[in-house]
Amino acid sequence: MKVGLISDTHGELENLREALEQLTSIYKIEKIVHLGDEWEDIEVLKGEKEIEVIVVPGVYAREYADPSIPNRIIREFNGWQILFTHTCNVHANDLPEDPDPQELAATQRVDVVAHGHTHVPSIEEKDYVIWVNPGHLKSKDKKGYSPSYGVLDISPEKIRARIVDLDSKETFSYYTFVKKKVTIRTSSLRLRAVLNDTKTAQKIWEALPIEQKANLWGEEIYFSTPVQEEIEDGEEVVQAGDIGYWPPAQAICLFFGPTPASKGNEIRPYSPVTVVGKIVDDPRDLKGVGEKEVIKLDRLW
């Protein structure tokens, strides 16, 4: 699935037509999304291309105050949840029912936030969520960025995001995003988690599912794995919800509070661990897991 992203067209219809031509002829997109500010410009596409059009209004458009028109849209493509919004934060003009993009990302309810508003093209990953701003389509802009558009190439395994300069047709920002969603299960508990892009996390991903008996050490659960790796950017102090790999025991560690080695309220492993992911749900739910209770780490939510 290939999705084209445009934003902040501001009446530049020729640039919009050129962007659509490049998106369809070069990247073979199947859908196009206008992320607001002069979203009515997209009307020029009607009748020109057989392609699904998704739109969200800009925050100063009169439609933004109309409850019948969604200001933020979440769509699923190939198992990925993607938020389309004009702004990446809450805005003074939001309606009461409008979701907060930052909260959606923080709770892992979306995998991608596609937004505009700033006229600054960018792709970045923050806390296991990818944020994409395709830029603008104005011929001249006071911030100095040339017109550009974005492309999301979405497969079940990964998302490839790019931003393309309209005039040169050159890709100037590119990112491949692989999100390793995992589930932590016991007989009475199910927690969502994600693994990061460390080498150790990849080895754990390849070894899943892993089912072992839980060992307790303060407010830490650890269990053995078949993975054998050296320490990788070792952390002496971690955060609640972090998932660590402890090389001396080839163990996965789930942290939800202080350990016997902690000083004050810090969370300190017995010795440095490689942080390989984080728990999305409330890690304090792990307090209900008993010693030697069977715990399973498996792929997907």
Protein backbone atom coordinates (compact mmCIF):
# COMPACT_ATOMS: atom_id res chain seq x y z
CA MET A 1 0.00 0.00 0.00
CA LYS A 2 1.43 3.35 -1.08
CA VAL A 3 -0.03 6.55 0.32
CA GLY A 4 0.84 10.06 -0.85
CA LEU A 5 0.97 12.92 1.67
CA ILE A 6 0.48 16.60 0.84
CA SER A 7 -0.16 19.56 3.11
CA ASP A 8 -0.44 23.33 3.19
CA THR A 9 -1.14 23.79 -0.50
CA HIS A 10 -2.45 27.37 -0.04
CA GLY A 11 -4.00 27.66 -3.49
CA GLU A 12 -0.87 26.57 -5.40
CA LEU A 13 -2.87 24.41 -7.81
CA GLU A 14 -0.15 23.93 -10.41
CA ASN A 15 2.21 22.61 -7.75
CA LEU A 16 -0.56 20.38 -6.47
CA ARG A 17 -1.16 18.95 -9.95
CA GLU A 18 2.55 18.35 -10.41
CA ALA A 19 2.79 16.63 -7.03
CA LEU A 20 -0.12 14.37 -7.95
CA GLU A 21 1.48 13.55 -11.31
CA GLN A 22 4.74 12.56 -9.63
CA LEU A 23 2.99 10.60 -6.92
CA THR A 24 0.96 8.56 -9.39
CA SER A 25 3.51 8.11 -12.17
CA ILE A 26 6.67 7.61 -10.11
CA TYR A 27 5.43 6.14 -6.83
CA LYS A 28 2.19 4.52 -8.02
CA ILE A 29 0.26 5.64 -4.95
CA GLU A 30 -3.15 4.17 -4.23
CA LYS A 31 -4.39 6.89 -1.87
CA ILE A 32 -3.60 10.54 -1.32
CA VAL A 33 -4.04 12.49 1.90
CA HIS A 34 -4.37 16.26 2.20
CA LEU A 35 -3.32 17.22 5.73
CA GLY A 36 -4.98 20.60 5.81
CA ASP A 37 -4.67 24.29 5.06
CA GLU A 38 -6.58 24.97 1.86
CA TRP A 39 -7.79 21.39 1.79
CA GLU A 40 -10.38 22.47 -0.78
CA ASP A 41 -7.51 22.65 -3.28
CA ILE A 42 -7.80 18.89 -3.55
CA GLU A 43 -10.98 19.44 -5.59
CA VAL A 44 -8.74 19.93 -8.63
CA LEU A 45 -7.99 16.21 -8.49
CA LYS A 46 -11.57 15.12 -8.94
CA GLY A 47 -12.05 13.55 -12.32
CA GLU A 48 -8.32 13.64 -13.09
CA LYS A 49 -7.15 10.49 -11.28
CA GLU A 50 -8.94 7.39 -10.05
CA ILE A 51 -7.57 7.47 -6.55
CA GLU A 52 -9.00 7.61 -3.03
CA VAL A 53 -8.67 11.04 -1.43
CA ILE A 54 -8.54 11.50 2.36
CA VAL A 55 -8.69 15.01 3.82
CA VAL A 56 -8.52 16.73 7.19
CA PRO A 57 -9.09 20.48 7.58
CA GLY A 58 -6.56 23.05 8.73
CA VAL A 59 -7.10 24.50 12.19
CA TYR A 60 -8.25 27.86 10.82
CA ALA A 61 -10.66 26.46 8.23
CA ARG A 62 -14.31 27.04 9.01
CA GLU A 63 -14.88 23.29 8.64
CA TYR A 64 -12.63 22.73 11.67
CA ALA A 65 -15.47 23.99 13.88
CA ASP A 66 -18.01 21.63 12.29
CA PRO A 67 -18.51 18.51 14.48
CA SER A 68 -19.75 16.55 11.47
CA ILE A 69 -16.32 16.83 9.81
CA PRO A 70 -13.50 14.90 11.53
CA ASN A 71 -10.46 17.01 12.31
CA ARG A 72 -8.30 13.95 12.93
CA ILE A 73 -8.66 10.59 11.22
CA ILE A 74 -7.12 7.23 12.14
CA ARG A 75 -6.93 4.67 9.35
CA GLU A 76 -5.47 1.18 9.36
CA PHE A 77 -3.30 0.05 6.45
CA ASN A 78 -1.73 -3.41 6.48
CA GLY A 79 -2.05 -3.60 10.25
CA TRP A 80 -0.57 -0.16 10.95
CA GLN A 81 -2.62 2.55 12.67
CA ILE A 82 -1.99 5.94 11.02
CA LEU A 83 -3.24 9.28 12.34
CA PHE A 84 -3.88 12.05 9.81
CA THR A 85 -4.02 15.49 11.42
CA HIS A 86 -3.10 19.05 10.55
CA THR A 87 -1.25 19.66 13.82
CA CYS A 88 0.95 17.30 15.79
CA ASN A 89 -0.31 18.74 19.08
CA VAL A 90 -3.62 19.83 20.54
CA HIS A 91 -4.74 23.25 19.28
CA ALA A 92 -6.88 26.01 20.73
CA ASN A 93 -9.38 25.47 17.91
CA ASP A 94 -9.82 21.75 18.62
CA LEU A 95 -13.29 20.48 19.35
CA PRO A 96 -13.86 18.71 22.70
CA GLU A 97 -13.99 15.30 21.05
CA ASP A 98 -10.77 15.76 19.05
CA PRO A 99 -8.10 13.29 20.22
CA ASP A 100 -4.70 14.49 21.37
CA PRO A 101 -2.02 13.32 18.88
CA GLN A 102 0.64 13.21 21.58
CA GLU A 103 -1.52 11.05 23.84
CA LEU A 104 -2.38 8.70 20.97
CA ALA A 105 1.33 8.26 20.31
CA ALA A 106 2.31 7.92 23.97
CA THR A 107 -0.23 5.14 24.49
CA GLN A 108 0.81 3.42 21.24
CA ARG A 109 -2.69 3.68 19.79
CA VAL A 110 -1.12 4.88 16.56
CA ASP A 111 2.06 3.83 14.79
CA VAL A 112 2.39 6.88 12.52
CA VAL A 113 1.39 10.52 12.92
CA ALA A 114 1.16 12.30 9.55
CA HIS A 115 0.75 16.06 10.00
CA GLY A 116 1.41 19.43 8.42
CA HIS A 117 0.96 23.01 9.69
CA THR A 118 4.60 23.98 10.26
CA HIS A 119 5.69 23.98 6.57
CA VAL A 120 8.84 22.18 7.77
CA PRO A 121 9.36 18.76 6.13
CA SER A 122 10.56 16.10 8.54
CA ILE A 123 10.60 12.41 9.41
CA GLU A 124 11.51 11.31 12.91
CA GLU A 125 10.91 8.41 15.24
CA LYS A 126 9.97 9.21 18.82
CA ASP A 127 9.12 6.54 21.37
CA TYR A 128 8.36 3.87 18.77
CA VAL A 129 6.08 6.14 16.70
CA ILE A 130 7.06 7.71 13.38
CA TRP A 131 6.14 11.38 12.78
CA VAL A 132 5.96 12.59 9.18
CA ASN A 133 5.46 16.13 7.92
CA PRO A 134 5.53 16.28 4.09
CA GLY A 135 6.16 20.04 4.09
CA HIS A 136 4.19 22.48 1.90
CA LEU A 137 3.45 23.09 -1.77
CA LYS A 138 3.97 26.86 -1.93
CA SER A 139 6.35 28.12 -4.61
CA LYS A 140 7.93 30.42 -2.03
CA ASP A 141 7.70 30.16 1.72
CA LYS A 142 9.08 32.46 4.39
CA LYS A 143 10.67 29.54 6.26
CA GLY A 144 12.85 28.84 3.23
CA TYR A 145 11.84 25.27 2.45
CA SER A 146 11.04 24.41 -1.16
CA PRO A 147 7.75 22.65 -2.04
CA SER A 148 7.68 18.96 -1.19
CA TYR A 149 5.43 15.96 -0.64
CA GLY A 150 5.60 12.65 1.21
CA VAL A 151 5.16 8.96 0.42
CA LEU A 152 4.38 6.11 2.80
CA ASP A 153 5.13 2.64 1.43
CA ILE A 154 3.29 0.38 3.88
CA SER A 155 3.73 -3.38 4.12
CA PRO A 156 2.76 -5.62 7.05
CA GLU A 157 6.41 -5.82 8.13
CA LYS A 158 7.60 -2.24 7.73
CA ILE A 159 6.88 1.31 6.63
CA ARG A 160 9.20 3.20 4.32
CA ALA A 161 8.67 6.96 4.54
CA ARG A 162 10.19 9.52 2.20
CA ILE A 163 9.93 13.22 1.50
CA VAL A 164 10.51 14.38 -2.06
CA ASP A 165 11.46 17.81 -3.37
CA LEU A 166 8.81 18.80 -5.90
CA ASP A 167 11.14 20.68 -8.26
CA SER A 168 14.09 18.30 -8.38
CA LYS A 169 12.05 15.12 -7.78
CA GLU A 170 14.84 14.07 -5.43
CA THR A 171 14.20 12.28 -2.13
CA PHE A 172 15.87 14.29 0.62
CA SER A 173 14.57 12.45 3.69
CA TYR A 174 14.06 8.70 3.96
CA TYR A 175 13.35 6.36 6.86
CA THR A 176 12.52 2.68 7.22
CA PHE A 177 10.44 1.87 10.28
CA VAL A 178 10.01 -1.64 11.65
CA LYS A 179 7.85 -1.94 14.74
CA LYS A 180 8.22 -5.13 16.74
CA LYS A 181 4.96 -5.46 18.67
CA VAL A 182 5.01 -8.11 21.37
CA THR A 183 2.65 -9.35 24.08
CA ILE A 184 3.54 -10.36 27.65
CA ARG A 185 1.10 -12.98 28.95
CA THR A 186 0.40 -14.93 32.11
CA SER A 187 -2.73 -16.89 33.01
CA SER A 188 -4.41 -13.67 34.17
CA LEU A 189 -2.44 -10.86 32.50
CA ARG A 190 -1.90 -9.47 29.04
CA LEU A 191 0.39 -6.48 28.44
CA ARG A 192 1.38 -4.89 25.16
CA ALA A 193 4.99 -4.00 24.53
CA VAL A 194 7.35 -3.01 21.72
CA LEU A 195 10.96 -3.95 21.05
CA ASN A 196 13.47 -1.41 19.80
CA ASP A 197 16.03 -1.54 16.99
CA THR A 198 19.01 -2.82 18.97
CA LYS A 199 20.82 -5.93 17.79
CA THR A 200 19.78 -7.72 20.96
CA ALA A 201 16.11 -6.85 20.45
CA GLN A 202 16.28 -8.31 16.96
CA LYS A 203 17.73 -11.57 18.32
CA ILE A 204 14.93 -11.74 20.91
CA TRP A 205 12.35 -11.07 18.17
CA GLU A 206 13.73 -13.94 16.13
CA ALA A 207 13.60 -16.25 19.15
CA LEU A 208 9.92 -15.62 19.96
CA PRO A 209 7.78 -17.09 21.36
CA ILE A 210 9.60 -17.46 24.68
CA GLU A 211 7.81 -19.17 27.57
CA GLN A 212 9.47 -19.54 30.98
CA LYS A 213 8.83 -19.35 34.72
CA ALA A 214 9.02 -15.90 36.26
CA ASN A 215 11.66 -15.01 38.84
CA LEU A 216 11.06 -12.02 41.12
CA TRP A 217 13.69 -9.59 42.41
CA GLY A 218 11.99 -6.68 44.08
CA GLU A 219 9.77 -5.06 41.48
CA GLU A 220 11.51 -6.79 38.61
CA ILE A 221 10.58 -9.98 36.80
CA TYR A 222 13.28 -11.88 34.94
CA PHE A 223 13.27 -15.11 32.97
CA SER A 224 15.77 -16.96 30.82
CA THR A 225 15.96 -16.86 27.03
CA PRO A 226 17.85 -18.79 24.33
CA VAL A 227 19.46 -15.50 23.25
CA GLN A 228 23.15 -15.03 23.97
CA GLU A 229 24.42 -11.48 23.42
CA GLU A 230 27.00 -9.14 24.94
CA ILE A 231 25.94 -5.93 26.65
CA GLU A 232 24.86 -3.25 24.19
CA ASP A 233 24.82 0.37 25.46
CA GLY A 234 24.35 -0.93 29.00
CA GLU A 235 22.09 0.97 31.39
CA GLU A 236 22.71 0.98 35.15
CA VAL A 237 19.41 2.73 35.92
CA VAL A 238 16.21 2.13 33.96
CA GLN A 239 12.61 3.34 33.89
CA ALA A 240 9.37 1.64 34.89
CA GLY A 241 8.14 -0.25 31.85
CA ASP A 242 11.59 -0.81 30.36
CA ILE A 243 12.39 -4.26 29.05
CA GLY A 244 16.01 -5.21 29.58
CA TYR A 245 18.32 -8.02 28.55
CA TRP A 246 20.77 -9.18 31.24
CA PRO A 247 23.76 -10.94 29.64
CA PRO A 248 25.07 -12.84 32.73
CA ALA A 249 21.88 -14.93 32.89
CA GLN A 250 20.76 -14.55 29.27
CA ALA A 251 17.58 -13.19 30.80
CA ILE A 252 14.80 -10.80 29.87
CA CYS A 253 14.00 -8.36 32.68
CA LEU A 254 10.68 -6.55 33.10
CA PHE A 255 11.00 -3.51 35.35
CA PHE A 256 8.03 -2.02 37.19
CA GLY A 257 9.54 -0.50 40.33
CA PRO A 258 12.56 -0.42 42.67
CA THR A 259 14.78 -3.46 43.11
CA PRO A 260 16.93 -4.48 46.10
CA ALA A 261 19.82 -2.61 44.43
CA SER A 262 17.87 0.65 44.04
CA LYS A 263 18.74 3.84 45.84
CA GLY A 264 15.63 5.81 46.69
CA ASN A 265 12.99 5.65 43.97
CA GLU A 266 15.37 4.75 41.14
CA ILE A 267 15.09 1.42 39.35
CA ARG A 268 18.47 -0.25 39.32
CA PRO A 269 19.19 -3.68 37.79
CA TYR A 270 21.61 -6.05 39.54
CA SER A 271 24.15 -5.04 36.89
CA PRO A 272 23.86 -3.12 33.58
CA VAL A 273 21.27 -4.31 31.07
CA THR A 274 20.62 -3.66 27.41
CA VAL A 275 17.28 -1.88 27.13
CA VAL A 276 15.50 -3.74 24.32
CA GLY A 277 11.99 -2.28 24.50
CA LYS A 278 9.23 -0.92 26.67
CA ILE A 279 5.85 -1.97 28.01
CA VAL A 280 3.02 0.05 26.49
CA ASP A 281 0.40 -0.73 29.14
CA ASP A 282 0.74 -0.04 32.86
CA PRO A 283 3.84 -1.97 34.04
CA ARG A 284 2.53 -1.91 37.61
CA ASP A 285 0.12 -4.66 36.57
CA LEU A 286 3.14 -6.97 36.81
CA LYS A 287 2.90 -6.76 40.59
CA GLY A 288 0.29 -9.49 40.40
CA VAL A 289 2.67 -12.02 38.84
CA GLY A 290 3.81 -14.71 41.28
CA GLU A 291 7.16 -16.44 41.72
CA LYS A 292 7.56 -19.29 39.19
CA GLU A 293 4.35 -18.33 37.40
CA VAL A 294 4.51 -19.14 33.70
CA ILE A 295 5.12 -16.04 31.58
CA LYS A 296 5.15 -15.88 27.80
CA LEU A 297 6.57 -13.30 25.41
CA ASP A 298 5.15 -13.54 21.90
CA ARG A 299 4.82 -11.51 18.73
CA LEU A 300 2.03 -9.03 17.98
CA TRP A 301 -0.80 -7.60 20.04
